[in-house]
Amino acid sequence: MSDTTPPRPASPCPRCAHETIEHITGSPVPGVWEVLQCARCLYMWRTSEPARRTRRDAYPEEFMLTPEDIGAAPEVPAVPPLLRARGRNGYQVTGSAYTP
């Protein structure tokens, strides 16, 4: 039986340097890439992206965050509900569901 546990990232979050990184998912072809997420700032990245997106030492300084930056950040607004609209075929569209 093979080990299906995803490898732990070797480096901290590229954006905020937090050490707790969660494995979200992997590529359909095992081992090609992984999607990781920082537990503190919620930054997500795919391991196949360039170093400027995946490594703290190469991440653009103007986008780096400190714990103070995160604590002082305004609350992210919720996504508003979808509006009903008439599609070209005369059906009402709400999200991905069609209603005649």
N, C-alpha and C. Protein backbone atom coordinates (compact mmCIF):
# COMPACT_ATOMS: atom_id res chain seq x y z
N MET A 1 0.85 -1.17 0.00
CA MET A 1 0.00 0.00 0.00
C MET A 1 0.89 1.23 0.00
N SER A 2 0.57 2.21 -0.86
CA SER A 2 1.40 3.40 -0.94
C SER A 2 0.93 4.46 0.05
N ASP A 3 1.85 5.31 0.42
CA ASP A 3 1.54 6.41 1.34
C ASP A 3 0.87 7.52 0.55
N THR A 4 -0.37 7.89 0.92
CA THR A 4 -1.10 8.93 0.20
C THR A 4 -1.07 10.26 0.95
N THR A 5 -0.32 10.32 2.03
CA THR A 5 -0.21 11.56 2.79
C THR A 5 0.58 12.58 1.98
N PRO A 6 0.01 13.77 1.75
CA PRO A 6 0.74 14.78 0.97
C PRO A 6 1.99 15.24 1.71
N PRO A 7 3.04 15.56 0.98
CA PRO A 7 4.25 16.04 1.63
C PRO A 7 4.03 17.39 2.30
N ARG A 8 4.69 17.62 3.42
CA ARG A 8 4.60 18.91 4.09
C ARG A 8 5.49 19.90 3.36
N PRO A 9 5.01 21.12 3.17
CA PRO A 9 5.85 22.12 2.51
C PRO A 9 7.10 22.39 3.33
N ALA A 10 8.20 22.61 2.64
CA ALA A 10 9.48 22.83 3.32
C ALA A 10 9.65 24.27 3.78
N SER A 11 8.82 25.17 3.27
CA SER A 11 9.00 26.58 3.61
C SER A 11 7.70 27.18 4.13
N PRO A 12 7.81 28.34 4.80
CA PRO A 12 6.60 29.00 5.32
C PRO A 12 5.79 29.65 4.20
N CYS A 13 4.66 30.23 4.57
CA CYS A 13 3.80 30.92 3.62
C CYS A 13 4.59 32.01 2.90
N PRO A 14 4.50 32.07 1.58
CA PRO A 14 5.22 33.11 0.85
C PRO A 14 4.76 34.52 1.21
N ARG A 15 3.49 34.68 1.58
CA ARG A 15 2.96 36.01 1.84
C ARG A 15 3.17 36.48 3.28
N CYS A 16 2.94 35.61 4.28
CA CYS A 16 2.99 36.08 5.68
C CYS A 16 3.99 35.34 6.56
N ALA A 17 4.70 34.37 6.02
CA ALA A 17 5.73 33.60 6.73
C ALA A 17 5.19 32.69 7.83
N HIS A 18 3.89 32.46 7.85
CA HIS A 18 3.30 31.54 8.84
C HIS A 18 3.74 30.12 8.52
N GLU A 19 3.96 29.33 9.55
CA GLU A 19 4.47 27.97 9.36
C GLU A 19 3.38 26.93 9.10
N THR A 20 2.12 27.23 9.43
CA THR A 20 1.06 26.24 9.26
C THR A 20 0.48 26.35 7.85
N ILE A 21 0.83 25.38 7.03
CA ILE A 21 0.39 25.32 5.65
C ILE A 21 -0.45 24.06 5.48
N GLU A 22 -1.63 24.21 4.91
CA GLU A 22 -2.53 23.08 4.73
C GLU A 22 -2.53 22.61 3.28
N HIS A 23 -2.57 21.31 3.11
CA HIS A 23 -2.70 20.72 1.79
C HIS A 23 -4.19 20.74 1.44
N ILE A 24 -4.55 21.36 0.31
CA ILE A 24 -5.95 21.45 -0.10
C ILE A 24 -6.31 20.34 -1.07
N THR A 25 -5.53 20.19 -2.12
CA THR A 25 -5.78 19.14 -3.10
C THR A 25 -4.52 18.90 -3.92
N GLY A 26 -4.57 17.88 -4.73
CA GLY A 26 -3.44 17.57 -5.60
C GLY A 26 -3.91 17.44 -7.03
N SER A 27 -2.95 17.36 -7.93
CA SER A 27 -3.27 17.26 -9.36
C SER A 27 -3.91 15.90 -9.65
N PRO A 28 -4.65 15.83 -10.76
CA PRO A 28 -5.22 14.54 -11.15
C PRO A 28 -4.14 13.49 -11.40
N VAL A 29 -2.98 13.94 -11.84
CA VAL A 29 -1.85 13.04 -12.01
C VAL A 29 -1.01 13.17 -10.74
N PRO A 30 -0.96 12.15 -9.91
CA PRO A 30 -0.27 12.27 -8.63
C PRO A 30 1.16 12.79 -8.74
N GLY A 31 1.48 13.74 -7.84
CA GLY A 31 2.83 14.26 -7.75
C GLY A 31 3.18 15.40 -8.70
N VAL A 32 2.27 15.80 -9.58
CA VAL A 32 2.58 16.87 -10.53
C VAL A 32 2.52 18.22 -9.85
N TRP A 33 1.48 18.48 -9.06
CA TRP A 33 1.38 19.71 -8.28
C TRP A 33 0.43 19.49 -7.11
N GLU A 34 0.51 20.37 -6.14
CA GLU A 34 -0.37 20.37 -4.97
C GLU A 34 -0.90 21.79 -4.81
N VAL A 35 -2.08 21.94 -4.25
CA VAL A 35 -2.60 23.25 -3.88
C VAL A 35 -2.48 23.36 -2.37
N LEU A 36 -1.79 24.42 -1.93
CA LEU A 36 -1.55 24.65 -0.51
C LEU A 36 -2.22 25.94 -0.08
N GLN A 37 -2.53 26.05 1.23
CA GLN A 37 -3.15 27.26 1.76
C GLN A 37 -2.56 27.57 3.12
N CYS A 38 -2.27 28.84 3.33
CA CYS A 38 -1.79 29.32 4.62
C CYS A 38 -2.96 29.39 5.59
N ALA A 39 -2.76 28.89 6.80
CA ALA A 39 -3.82 28.89 7.82
C ALA A 39 -4.05 30.28 8.40
N ARG A 40 -3.09 31.19 8.27
CA ARG A 40 -3.25 32.53 8.85
C ARG A 40 -3.80 33.54 7.85
N CYS A 41 -3.16 33.71 6.70
CA CYS A 41 -3.59 34.76 5.76
C CYS A 41 -4.47 34.21 4.64
N LEU A 42 -4.63 32.90 4.57
CA LEU A 42 -5.46 32.21 3.60
C LEU A 42 -4.94 32.26 2.16
N TYR A 43 -3.69 32.68 1.98
CA TYR A 43 -3.08 32.68 0.65
C TYR A 43 -3.03 31.24 0.14
N MET A 44 -3.38 31.05 -1.13
CA MET A 44 -3.35 29.72 -1.75
C MET A 44 -2.43 29.75 -2.96
N TRP A 45 -1.73 28.65 -3.16
CA TRP A 45 -0.86 28.56 -4.33
C TRP A 45 -0.70 27.10 -4.75
N ARG A 46 -0.37 26.96 -6.01
CA ARG A 46 -0.07 25.64 -6.56
C ARG A 46 1.45 25.48 -6.58
N THR A 47 1.93 24.34 -6.21
CA THR A 47 3.38 24.15 -6.09
C THR A 47 4.11 24.24 -7.42
N SER A 48 3.40 24.18 -8.52
CA SER A 48 4.04 24.29 -9.84
C SER A 48 4.19 25.73 -10.30
N GLU A 49 3.70 26.69 -9.52
CA GLU A 49 3.82 28.10 -9.89
C GLU A 49 5.27 28.56 -9.71
N PRO A 50 5.62 29.71 -10.32
CA PRO A 50 6.99 30.21 -10.21
C PRO A 50 7.35 30.59 -8.78
N ALA A 51 8.64 30.70 -8.52
CA ALA A 51 9.15 31.00 -7.18
C ALA A 51 8.55 32.28 -6.60
N ARG A 52 8.26 33.27 -7.41
CA ARG A 52 7.69 34.53 -6.90
C ARG A 52 6.30 34.33 -6.30
N ARG A 53 5.71 33.17 -6.49
CA ARG A 53 4.41 32.85 -5.90
C ARG A 53 4.51 31.77 -4.83
N THR A 54 5.60 31.05 -4.79
CA THR A 54 5.70 29.88 -3.91
C THR A 54 6.77 29.96 -2.83
N ARG A 55 7.71 30.89 -2.95
CA ARG A 55 8.81 30.98 -1.97
C ARG A 55 8.85 32.35 -1.33
N ARG A 56 8.98 32.39 -0.02
CA ARG A 56 9.00 33.66 0.73
C ARG A 56 10.14 34.56 0.26
N ASP A 57 11.30 34.01 0.02
CA ASP A 57 12.45 34.84 -0.37
C ASP A 57 12.33 35.44 -1.77
N ALA A 58 11.39 34.94 -2.58
CA ALA A 58 11.20 35.46 -3.92
C ALA A 58 9.85 36.19 -4.08
N TYR A 59 9.03 36.17 -3.04
CA TYR A 59 7.70 36.79 -3.09
C TYR A 59 7.87 38.32 -3.11
N PRO A 60 7.08 39.05 -3.93
CA PRO A 60 7.23 40.51 -4.00
C PRO A 60 7.01 41.17 -2.63
N GLU A 61 7.96 41.95 -2.21
CA GLU A 61 7.92 42.58 -0.88
C GLU A 61 6.67 43.43 -0.67
N GLU A 62 6.21 44.11 -1.72
CA GLU A 62 5.04 44.99 -1.57
C GLU A 62 3.75 44.22 -1.27
N PHE A 63 3.76 42.90 -1.47
CA PHE A 63 2.57 42.09 -1.18
C PHE A 63 2.73 41.24 0.08
N MET A 64 3.87 41.31 0.74
CA MET A 64 4.06 40.55 1.98
C MET A 64 3.22 41.14 3.10
N LEU A 65 2.76 40.29 4.00
CA LEU A 65 1.95 40.71 5.13
C LEU A 65 2.62 40.33 6.45
N THR A 66 2.38 41.15 7.46
CA THR A 66 2.83 40.84 8.81
C THR A 66 1.59 40.47 9.62
N PRO A 67 1.76 39.88 10.80
CA PRO A 67 0.59 39.60 11.65
C PRO A 67 -0.19 40.88 11.95
N GLU A 68 0.51 42.00 12.09
CA GLU A 68 -0.16 43.29 12.35
C GLU A 68 -1.02 43.71 11.15
N ASP A 69 -0.49 43.52 9.94
CA ASP A 69 -1.25 43.84 8.73
C ASP A 69 -2.55 43.03 8.69
N ILE A 70 -2.44 41.76 8.99
CA ILE A 70 -3.60 40.87 8.94
C ILE A 70 -4.62 41.27 10.01
N GLY A 71 -4.15 41.58 11.21
CA GLY A 71 -5.05 41.99 12.29
C GLY A 71 -5.76 43.30 12.01
N ALA A 72 -5.12 44.18 11.27
CA ALA A 72 -5.70 45.50 10.98
C ALA A 72 -6.49 45.52 9.67
N ALA A 73 -6.52 44.40 8.97
CA ALA A 73 -7.22 44.36 7.68
C ALA A 73 -8.72 44.50 7.88
N PRO A 74 -9.38 45.23 6.96
CA PRO A 74 -10.85 45.34 7.06
C PRO A 74 -11.49 43.98 6.77
N GLU A 75 -12.68 43.82 7.27
CA GLU A 75 -13.41 42.58 7.02
C GLU A 75 -13.71 42.46 5.54
N VAL A 76 -13.56 41.26 5.00
CA VAL A 76 -13.86 41.02 3.60
C VAL A 76 -15.38 40.91 3.46
N PRO A 77 -15.98 41.69 2.57
CA PRO A 77 -17.45 41.64 2.44
C PRO A 77 -17.92 40.31 1.87
N ALA A 78 -19.11 39.92 2.26
CA ALA A 78 -19.71 38.70 1.73
C ALA A 78 -20.11 38.91 0.28
N VAL A 79 -20.14 37.83 -0.48
CA VAL A 79 -20.59 37.90 -1.87
C VAL A 79 -22.11 38.07 -1.85
N PRO A 80 -22.65 39.07 -2.55
CA PRO A 80 -24.09 39.29 -2.54
C PRO A 80 -24.82 38.16 -3.26
N PRO A 81 -26.11 37.98 -2.96
CA PRO A 81 -26.87 36.92 -3.63
C PRO A 81 -26.98 37.21 -5.13
N LEU A 82 -27.09 36.15 -5.90
CA LEU A 82 -27.23 36.30 -7.35
C LEU A 82 -28.59 36.90 -7.70
N LEU A 83 -28.61 37.72 -8.72
CA LEU A 83 -29.85 38.31 -9.21
C LEU A 83 -30.46 37.38 -10.25
N ARG A 84 -31.77 37.37 -10.29
CA ARG A 84 -32.44 36.58 -11.33
C ARG A 84 -32.39 37.36 -12.64
N ALA A 85 -32.09 36.68 -13.69
CA ALA A 85 -32.03 37.31 -15.01
C ALA A 85 -32.64 36.35 -16.03
N ARG A 86 -33.14 36.90 -17.10
CA ARG A 86 -33.69 36.08 -18.18
C ARG A 86 -32.58 35.78 -19.19
N GLY A 87 -32.37 34.50 -19.44
CA GLY A 87 -31.38 34.10 -20.44
C GLY A 87 -31.95 34.24 -21.84
N ARG A 88 -31.14 34.03 -22.84
CA ARG A 88 -31.58 34.16 -24.24
C ARG A 88 -32.68 33.17 -24.58
N ASN A 89 -32.71 32.04 -23.90
CA ASN A 89 -33.72 31.02 -24.19
C ASN A 89 -35.00 31.22 -23.39
N GLY A 90 -35.11 32.32 -22.64
CA GLY A 90 -36.31 32.61 -21.90
C GLY A 90 -36.35 32.02 -20.50
N TYR A 91 -35.32 31.29 -20.09
CA TYR A 91 -35.27 30.70 -18.77
C TYR A 91 -34.68 31.69 -17.77
N GLN A 92 -35.14 31.59 -16.55
CA GLN A 92 -34.56 32.41 -15.49
C GLN A 92 -33.27 31.74 -15.04
N VAL A 93 -32.26 32.53 -14.85
CA VAL A 93 -30.96 32.02 -14.45
C VAL A 93 -30.69 32.46 -13.01
N THR A 94 -30.49 31.51 -12.14
CA THR A 94 -30.11 31.81 -10.74
C THR A 94 -28.94 30.90 -10.42
N GLY A 95 -27.76 31.47 -10.42
CA GLY A 95 -26.58 30.64 -10.20
C GLY A 95 -26.40 29.72 -11.38
N SER A 96 -26.35 28.42 -11.11
CA SER A 96 -26.17 27.46 -12.21
C SER A 96 -27.46 26.69 -12.48
N ALA A 97 -28.57 27.05 -11.80
CA ALA A 97 -29.83 26.35 -12.01
C ALA A 97 -30.73 27.14 -12.97
N TYR A 98 -31.39 26.43 -13.89
CA TYR A 98 -32.30 27.05 -14.84
C TYR A 98 -33.73 26.76 -14.43
N THR A 99 -34.57 27.76 -14.45
CA THR A 99 -35.98 27.61 -14.11
C THR A 99 -36.82 28.20 -15.24
N PRO A 100 -37.75 27.41 -15.80
CA PRO A 100 -38.60 27.96 -16.88
C PRO A 100 -39.54 29.03 -16.37
